[in-house]
Amino acid sequence: MEAVRGEHDPVNALLSRAAAARARGDLEGALDACDEALAAAPGHLVALLSRGAVLERMGRPRAAALVFGDALKGAPPVGRTPPSLAVPLERARAAVAADRAALAATLDAAMGAEPGGGAVPGRLGEAAAIFAGTRRAYVSEAAYLNFPRLPAVPFFDRALFPWFAELEAATPAIQAELAHATAALADRFAPYIDLPPGVPVNQWAGLNRSADWSTLYLWRDGARQADACAACPLTAALMGRLPLLWQTGFGPTVVFSALKGGAHIPPHTGSTNTRAIVHLPLVLPGPARFRVGNVTREWRIGEAWAFDDTIEHEAWNDAADTRVVMILDAWNPYLDATERAGVEAMMLARRAWYAQP
């Protein structure tokens, strides 16, 4: 939507009339002129900003916030804001943020939260924050295969992975083999992000071909990496016993993932919700955080979790030294055996289809 119209444009004339009315204190007249402008050009950005400003002047901040929210939906990105709109848009953002924060506190109080005691925990508190507009709703955004009607769960219930007990009990042995592999196969740790020339780097600009995030694979897309498995025989044997995502040509992937001190893995999503990604922390020299959707957790040595990586996630190593977790993939626990077999068949069929000219 154009921010400025020609001088003979009727909408521009109405906005001029609204500005003149505001200047002389006739707020009702200004509001009427804004309404006429919006009737003639629904969604007009300047008309919405003007209407919100008039409502603020009239002592109606909540009504103003709703109008400002509509204006922001059609506003240009921050980096491409016309100079004439920079201040009004910043004012609109501040008004909307303040209104949503106050509404969120009100919703929490309505559900029994003590004043000043923080938000209601769990899914109910997250729902209230989304309802108030202080958080966004995250959904599965699979880049490759999106299986319908699977719950979009950031972190899966541990009870769905009874084999975690065996995995976690092996932590000391895996740590020892990681230390050996780090020394014996130092040159095999390679950047996790290594995009081919010509592929847009997007959010990976800071990590593409960078040693800040490096990996050593034991299995990669279902292919056993002989040297790494030979350096980690107990770990490799354990992986062979666990119910991972054994899928011809695609899984599992088992990898040691090393993130240097101070590094950040930006928000991203994975390829398919038919799998669950498992993390087992092995080296934590200090605080390190991991976010999936609206849920942020800190790793603890030897404590595994599983998450849906098609929900936006990111990671921070807040420590000074390198953090290492083992990453492995398993089937999404909400798929039954028939569905798993079907997924494997369709993925192999699709690969074969596009292998032909």
Protein backbone atom coordinates (compact mmCIF):
# COMPACT_ATOMS: atom_id res chain seq x y z
CA MET A 1 0.00 0.00 0.00
CA GLU A 2 1.40 3.38 -0.91
CA ALA A 3 2.06 5.57 2.08
CA VAL A 4 1.63 8.81 0.17
CA ARG A 5 -0.98 9.49 -2.51
CA GLY A 6 -1.36 12.23 -5.08
CA GLU A 7 -2.69 15.55 -3.93
CA HIS A 8 -5.99 15.03 -5.78
CA ASP A 9 -6.54 11.57 -4.31
CA PRO A 10 -9.75 11.59 -2.22
CA VAL A 11 -8.12 9.43 0.45
CA ASN A 12 -5.25 11.89 0.75
CA ALA A 13 -7.78 14.70 1.10
CA LEU A 14 -9.58 12.81 3.89
CA LEU A 15 -6.30 12.21 5.74
CA SER A 16 -5.47 15.90 5.44
CA ARG A 17 -8.90 16.67 6.89
CA ALA A 18 -8.24 14.22 9.76
CA ALA A 19 -4.86 15.83 10.51
CA ALA A 20 -6.42 19.31 10.55
CA ALA A 21 -9.18 18.14 12.89
CA ARG A 22 -6.63 16.59 15.26
CA ALA A 23 -4.61 19.80 15.26
CA ARG A 24 -7.60 21.84 16.42
CA GLY A 25 -8.64 19.23 18.99
CA ASP A 26 -11.68 17.90 17.10
CA LEU A 27 -10.95 14.22 17.75
CA GLU A 28 -14.41 13.00 16.75
CA GLY A 29 -14.07 14.82 13.45
CA ALA A 30 -10.60 13.32 12.95
CA LEU A 31 -11.95 9.86 13.67
CA ASP A 32 -14.80 10.33 11.18
CA ALA A 33 -12.35 11.41 8.48
CA CYS A 34 -10.14 8.38 9.13
CA ASP A 35 -13.18 6.11 8.93
CA GLU A 36 -14.18 7.65 5.62
CA ALA A 37 -10.67 7.13 4.31
CA LEU A 38 -10.72 3.47 5.35
CA ALA A 39 -14.15 2.99 3.80
CA ALA A 40 -12.72 4.27 0.53
CA ALA A 41 -9.43 2.33 0.86
CA PRO A 42 -9.68 -0.57 3.34
CA GLY A 43 -6.33 -1.43 4.90
CA HIS A 44 -4.74 1.90 3.98
CA LEU A 45 -1.62 2.01 6.15
CA VAL A 46 -1.53 5.75 6.88
CA ALA A 47 -5.26 5.83 7.57
CA LEU A 48 -4.90 2.99 10.09
CA LEU A 49 -1.96 4.68 11.79
CA SER A 50 -3.89 7.95 11.94
CA ARG A 51 -6.98 6.24 13.34
CA GLY A 52 -4.90 4.51 16.03
CA ALA A 53 -3.25 7.80 16.99
CA VAL A 54 -6.65 9.51 17.28
CA LEU A 55 -7.99 6.71 19.50
CA GLU A 56 -4.91 7.08 21.73
CA ARG A 57 -5.60 10.81 22.04
CA MET A 58 -9.20 9.97 22.97
CA GLY A 59 -8.01 7.84 25.91
CA ARG A 60 -8.90 4.52 24.24
CA PRO A 61 -5.55 2.68 24.27
CA ARG A 62 -6.98 -0.82 23.81
CA ALA A 63 -9.02 0.17 20.77
CA ALA A 64 -5.93 1.97 19.45
CA ALA A 65 -3.80 -1.16 19.92
CA LEU A 66 -6.23 -3.23 17.84
CA VAL A 67 -6.07 -0.68 15.01
CA PHE A 68 -2.29 -0.44 15.26
CA GLY A 69 -2.13 -4.24 15.08
CA ASP A 70 -4.05 -4.16 11.80
CA ALA A 71 -1.67 -1.49 10.51
CA LEU A 72 1.40 -3.55 11.37
CA LYS A 73 0.08 -6.53 9.42
CA GLY A 74 0.40 -4.50 6.22
CA ALA A 75 3.47 -2.48 7.13
CA PRO A 76 6.72 -2.82 5.17
CA PRO A 77 9.62 -4.69 6.84
CA VAL A 78 11.64 -2.66 9.32
CA GLY A 79 14.59 -2.28 6.95
CA ARG A 80 12.37 -0.95 4.17
CA THR A 81 10.25 1.52 6.13
CA PRO A 82 9.83 4.92 4.44
CA PRO A 83 11.40 7.62 6.65
CA SER A 84 8.05 9.41 6.94
CA LEU A 85 6.53 6.32 8.57
CA ALA A 86 9.41 5.30 10.86
CA VAL A 87 8.16 7.17 13.94
CA PRO A 88 4.44 6.30 13.54
CA LEU A 89 5.24 2.63 13.02
CA GLU A 90 7.57 2.50 16.01
CA ARG A 91 4.84 4.13 18.10
CA ALA A 92 2.37 1.52 16.83
CA ARG A 93 4.72 -1.36 17.71
CA ALA A 94 5.23 -0.01 21.21
CA ALA A 95 1.49 0.41 21.76
CA VAL A 96 0.75 -3.12 20.53
CA ALA A 97 3.52 -4.66 22.64
CA ALA A 98 2.36 -2.87 25.79
CA ASP A 99 -1.26 -3.86 25.19
CA ARG A 100 -0.40 -7.51 24.58
CA ALA A 101 1.81 -7.71 27.67
CA ALA A 102 -0.97 -6.25 29.82
CA LEU A 103 -3.53 -8.59 28.27
CA ALA A 104 -1.26 -11.59 28.89
CA ALA A 105 -0.99 -10.67 32.57
CA THR A 106 -4.76 -10.30 32.74
CA LEU A 107 -5.29 -13.73 31.17
CA ASP A 108 -2.84 -15.32 33.61
CA ALA A 109 -4.64 -13.66 36.52
CA ALA A 110 -7.98 -14.95 35.21
CA MET A 111 -6.54 -18.47 35.39
CA GLY A 112 -5.38 -18.04 38.98
CA ALA A 113 -1.80 -16.78 38.69
CA GLU A 114 -0.67 -14.64 41.61
CA PRO A 115 0.06 -10.97 40.80
CA GLY A 116 3.76 -10.68 39.99
CA GLY A 117 4.14 -14.44 40.20
CA GLY A 118 4.81 -15.01 36.53
CA ALA A 119 2.87 -16.72 33.79
CA VAL A 120 0.78 -19.84 34.16
CA PRO A 121 3.09 -22.80 33.38
CA GLY A 122 2.76 -25.49 30.75
CA ARG A 123 0.50 -25.69 27.72
CA LEU A 124 -2.21 -23.58 29.34
CA GLY A 125 0.20 -20.69 29.90
CA GLU A 126 1.54 -21.03 26.36
CA ALA A 127 -2.03 -20.95 25.01
CA ALA A 128 -2.70 -17.75 26.97
CA ALA A 129 0.47 -16.12 25.62
CA ILE A 130 -0.47 -17.06 22.05
CA PHE A 131 -4.02 -15.80 22.63
CA ALA A 132 -2.66 -12.50 23.97
CA GLY A 133 -0.21 -12.19 21.08
CA THR A 134 3.01 -12.20 23.10
CA ARG A 135 4.07 -15.52 21.57
CA ARG A 136 3.47 -17.17 18.23
CA ALA A 137 1.98 -20.59 17.60
CA TYR A 138 4.58 -22.98 16.19
CA VAL A 139 3.56 -25.76 13.83
CA SER A 140 5.35 -28.50 11.94
CA GLU A 141 7.19 -27.08 8.93
CA ALA A 142 8.69 -30.13 7.27
CA ALA A 143 10.91 -29.29 4.33
CA TYR A 144 10.65 -32.75 2.73
CA LEU A 145 7.82 -34.98 4.01
CA ASN A 146 4.98 -33.78 6.23
CA PHE A 147 2.98 -36.70 7.59
CA PRO A 148 -0.58 -35.56 8.39
CA ARG A 149 -2.32 -35.65 11.75
CA LEU A 150 0.78 -36.14 13.87
CA PRO A 151 0.76 -33.97 17.00
CA ALA A 152 3.12 -30.99 16.78
CA VAL A 153 4.88 -31.68 20.10
CA PRO A 154 8.06 -29.68 20.78
CA PHE A 155 9.53 -32.23 23.22
CA PHE A 156 8.13 -35.76 23.28
CA ASP A 157 7.14 -37.46 26.54
CA ARG A 158 10.06 -39.56 27.79
CA ALA A 159 7.67 -42.42 28.49
CA LEU A 160 7.40 -42.93 24.73
CA PHE A 161 11.11 -43.88 24.64
CA PRO A 162 11.65 -46.62 27.23
CA TRP A 163 15.09 -47.33 25.71
CA PHE A 164 16.38 -43.96 27.00
CA ALA A 165 17.39 -45.76 30.21
CA GLU A 166 19.91 -47.95 28.33
CA LEU A 167 21.17 -44.99 26.29
CA GLU A 168 21.67 -42.76 29.34
CA ALA A 169 23.36 -45.53 31.34
CA ALA A 170 25.97 -45.77 28.59
CA THR A 171 26.91 -42.08 28.86
CA PRO A 172 30.33 -42.64 30.54
CA ALA A 173 31.33 -45.21 27.90
CA ILE A 174 30.19 -42.94 25.07
CA GLN A 175 32.07 -40.00 26.60
CA ALA A 176 35.27 -42.06 26.76
CA GLU A 177 34.93 -43.14 23.14
CA LEU A 178 34.16 -39.57 22.10
CA ALA A 179 37.42 -38.45 23.70
CA HIS A 180 39.31 -41.19 21.86
CA ALA A 181 37.63 -40.36 18.53
CA THR A 182 38.31 -36.66 18.98
CA ALA A 183 42.02 -37.40 19.27
CA ALA A 184 42.23 -40.20 16.69
CA LEU A 185 39.92 -38.69 14.08
CA ALA A 186 40.37 -34.98 14.62
CA ASP A 187 40.49 -34.37 10.88
CA ARG A 188 37.12 -36.12 10.43
CA PHE A 189 35.25 -33.46 12.40
CA ALA A 190 33.87 -31.27 9.61
CA PRO A 191 31.53 -28.27 9.45
CA TYR A 192 27.93 -29.37 9.81
CA ILE A 193 26.80 -26.69 7.36
CA ASP A 194 28.59 -27.07 4.02
CA LEU A 195 26.32 -25.70 1.30
CA PRO A 196 27.28 -26.13 -2.35
CA PRO A 197 28.24 -23.01 -4.32
CA GLY A 198 25.22 -21.18 -5.64
CA VAL A 199 22.84 -22.39 -2.92
CA PRO A 200 21.42 -19.48 -0.87
CA VAL A 201 22.98 -19.51 2.59
CA ASN A 202 20.10 -17.57 4.22
CA GLN A 203 20.30 -18.00 8.02
CA TRP A 204 23.42 -20.17 7.68
CA ALA A 205 25.73 -17.35 6.55
CA GLY A 206 27.59 -17.34 9.86
CA LEU A 207 28.00 -21.13 10.08
CA ASN A 208 28.47 -22.21 6.47
CA ARG A 209 31.77 -24.13 6.28
CA SER A 210 32.60 -22.91 9.78
CA ALA A 211 34.37 -24.94 12.46
CA ASP A 212 32.12 -23.28 15.03
CA TRP A 213 29.65 -26.15 14.45
CA SER A 214 31.39 -29.38 13.51
CA THR A 215 30.35 -33.02 13.46
CA LEU A 216 31.67 -36.58 13.38
CA TYR A 217 29.21 -39.10 11.91
CA LEU A 218 28.87 -42.70 13.05
CA TRP A 219 25.92 -43.25 10.71
CA ARG A 220 24.94 -40.76 8.02
CA ASP A 221 21.59 -41.15 6.29
CA GLY A 222 21.67 -44.85 7.10
CA ALA A 223 25.26 -45.42 5.94
CA ARG A 224 27.61 -46.76 8.62
CA GLN A 225 30.85 -44.74 8.84
CA ALA A 226 33.43 -47.47 9.33
CA ASP A 227 36.33 -45.43 10.76
CA ALA A 228 34.19 -43.61 13.32
CA CYS A 229 32.40 -46.78 14.40
CA ALA A 230 35.75 -48.57 14.74
CA ALA A 231 36.94 -45.78 17.04
CA CYS A 232 33.72 -46.06 19.08
CA PRO A 233 32.93 -49.80 19.16
CA LEU A 234 30.80 -49.80 22.33
CA THR A 235 28.78 -46.82 21.10
CA ALA A 236 28.32 -48.41 17.68
CA ALA A 237 27.19 -51.69 19.22
CA LEU A 238 24.70 -49.84 21.40
CA MET A 239 23.27 -47.98 18.42
CA GLY A 240 22.77 -51.32 16.67
CA ARG A 241 20.61 -52.53 19.59
CA LEU A 242 18.43 -49.44 19.91
CA PRO A 243 15.16 -48.92 18.00
CA LEU A 244 16.45 -46.04 15.92
CA LEU A 245 15.12 -44.89 12.56
CA TRP A 246 16.41 -47.86 10.58
CA GLN A 247 15.19 -46.80 7.16
CA THR A 248 16.88 -48.01 3.96
CA GLY A 249 18.79 -45.18 2.33
CA PHE A 250 17.69 -42.57 4.83
CA GLY A 251 18.40 -43.47 8.43
CA PRO A 252 19.54 -43.50 11.03
CA THR A 253 21.89 -40.60 11.44
CA VAL A 254 24.10 -40.80 14.53
CA VAL A 255 26.53 -37.95 14.99
CA PHE A 256 28.67 -36.18 17.58
CA SER A 257 27.79 -32.49 17.29
CA ALA A 258 30.33 -29.97 18.62
CA LEU A 259 29.41 -26.31 19.08
CA LYS A 260 32.20 -23.91 20.04
CA GLY A 261 31.91 -21.52 22.96
CA GLY A 262 29.68 -18.53 22.31
CA ALA A 263 28.29 -19.98 19.07
CA HIS A 264 24.62 -19.88 18.13
CA ILE A 265 22.67 -22.18 15.81
CA PRO A 266 19.96 -19.96 14.29
CA PRO A 267 16.26 -20.84 14.08
CA HIS A 268 15.55 -23.55 11.51
CA THR A 269 13.33 -26.56 10.81
CA GLY A 270 14.05 -30.11 9.70
CA SER A 271 13.02 -32.35 6.82
CA THR A 272 10.25 -34.62 8.11
CA ASN A 273 8.02 -35.11 11.14
CA THR A 274 8.11 -38.89 10.69
CA ARG A 275 11.17 -38.94 12.93
CA ALA A 276 12.06 -37.84 16.44
CA ILE A 277 15.48 -36.30 17.01
CA VAL A 278 17.25 -37.45 20.18
CA HIS A 279 19.97 -35.50 21.99
CA LEU A 280 22.32 -36.97 24.59
CA PRO A 281 24.63 -34.32 26.13
CA LEU A 282 28.22 -35.51 26.55
CA VAL A 283 30.37 -32.39 27.12
CA LEU A 284 28.92 -29.30 28.82
CA PRO A 285 31.61 -26.86 29.99
CA GLY A 286 28.94 -24.37 31.09
CA PRO A 287 25.41 -23.21 30.36
CA ALA A 288 23.92 -24.18 27.00
CA ARG A 289 20.33 -23.67 25.88
CA PHE A 290 18.04 -25.27 23.34
CA ARG A 291 14.67 -23.95 22.14
CA VAL A 292 11.92 -25.80 20.31
CA GLY A 293 8.91 -23.64 19.57
CA ASN A 294 8.06 -21.77 22.77
CA VAL A 295 9.92 -24.19 25.06
CA THR A 296 13.56 -23.55 26.05
CA ARG A 297 15.58 -26.08 28.04
CA GLU A 298 19.14 -26.45 29.28
CA TRP A 299 21.01 -29.67 28.65
CA ARG A 300 22.19 -31.89 31.54
CA ILE A 301 24.96 -34.46 31.11
CA GLY A 302 23.58 -37.91 30.43
CA GLU A 303 19.94 -36.83 30.21
CA ALA A 304 18.38 -37.53 26.83
CA TRP A 305 15.39 -35.87 25.23
CA ALA A 306 13.53 -36.27 21.95
CA PHE A 307 11.95 -33.46 19.95
CA ASP A 308 10.22 -32.76 16.64
CA ASP A 309 12.76 -30.87 14.55
CA THR A 310 10.14 -29.72 12.04
CA ILE A 311 9.10 -27.22 14.72
CA GLU A 312 11.38 -24.18 14.64
CA HIS A 313 14.35 -24.69 16.97
CA GLU A 314 17.71 -23.10 17.79
CA ALA A 315 20.65 -23.60 20.16
CA TRP A 316 23.14 -21.47 22.10
CA ASN A 317 26.42 -22.42 23.73
CA ASP A 318 26.74 -19.76 26.44
CA ALA A 319 29.95 -21.31 27.79
CA ALA A 320 33.49 -20.37 26.78
CA ASP A 321 34.45 -23.87 25.62
CA THR A 322 33.04 -26.43 23.21
CA ARG A 323 29.76 -28.24 23.92
CA VAL A 324 29.20 -31.72 22.47
CA VAL A 325 25.95 -33.66 22.20
CA MET A 326 25.25 -36.92 20.45
CA ILE A 327 22.36 -36.64 18.00
CA LEU A 328 20.46 -39.67 16.75
CA ASP A 329 17.12 -40.10 15.06
CA ALA A 330 14.28 -42.46 15.88
CA TRP A 331 10.82 -42.97 14.43
CA ASN A 332 8.13 -40.56 15.55
CA PRO A 333 6.47 -42.59 18.33
CA TYR A 334 2.99 -41.76 17.02
CA LEU A 335 3.54 -43.74 13.81
CA ASP A 336 2.52 -47.38 13.83
CA ALA A 337 4.44 -50.19 12.13
CA THR A 338 2.35 -50.07 8.96
CA GLU A 339 2.84 -46.32 8.62
CA ARG A 340 6.59 -46.64 9.15
CA ALA A 341 6.85 -49.24 6.41
CA GLY A 342 4.76 -47.04 4.14
CA VAL A 343 6.96 -44.02 4.77
CA GLU A 344 10.07 -46.02 3.91
CA ALA A 345 8.45 -47.33 0.72
CA MET A 346 7.24 -43.94 -0.49
CA MET A 347 10.56 -42.21 0.21
CA LEU A 348 12.48 -44.87 -1.72
CA ALA A 349 9.95 -44.66 -4.56
CA ARG A 350 10.26 -40.87 -4.73
CA ARG A 351 14.06 -41.07 -4.81
CA ALA A 352 13.91 -43.63 -7.64
CA TRP A 353 11.39 -41.52 -9.53
CA TYR A 354 13.65 -38.47 -9.63
CA ALA A 355 16.71 -40.57 -10.39
CA GLN A 356 15.26 -41.04 -13.86
CA PRO A 357 15.32 -38.29 -16.51
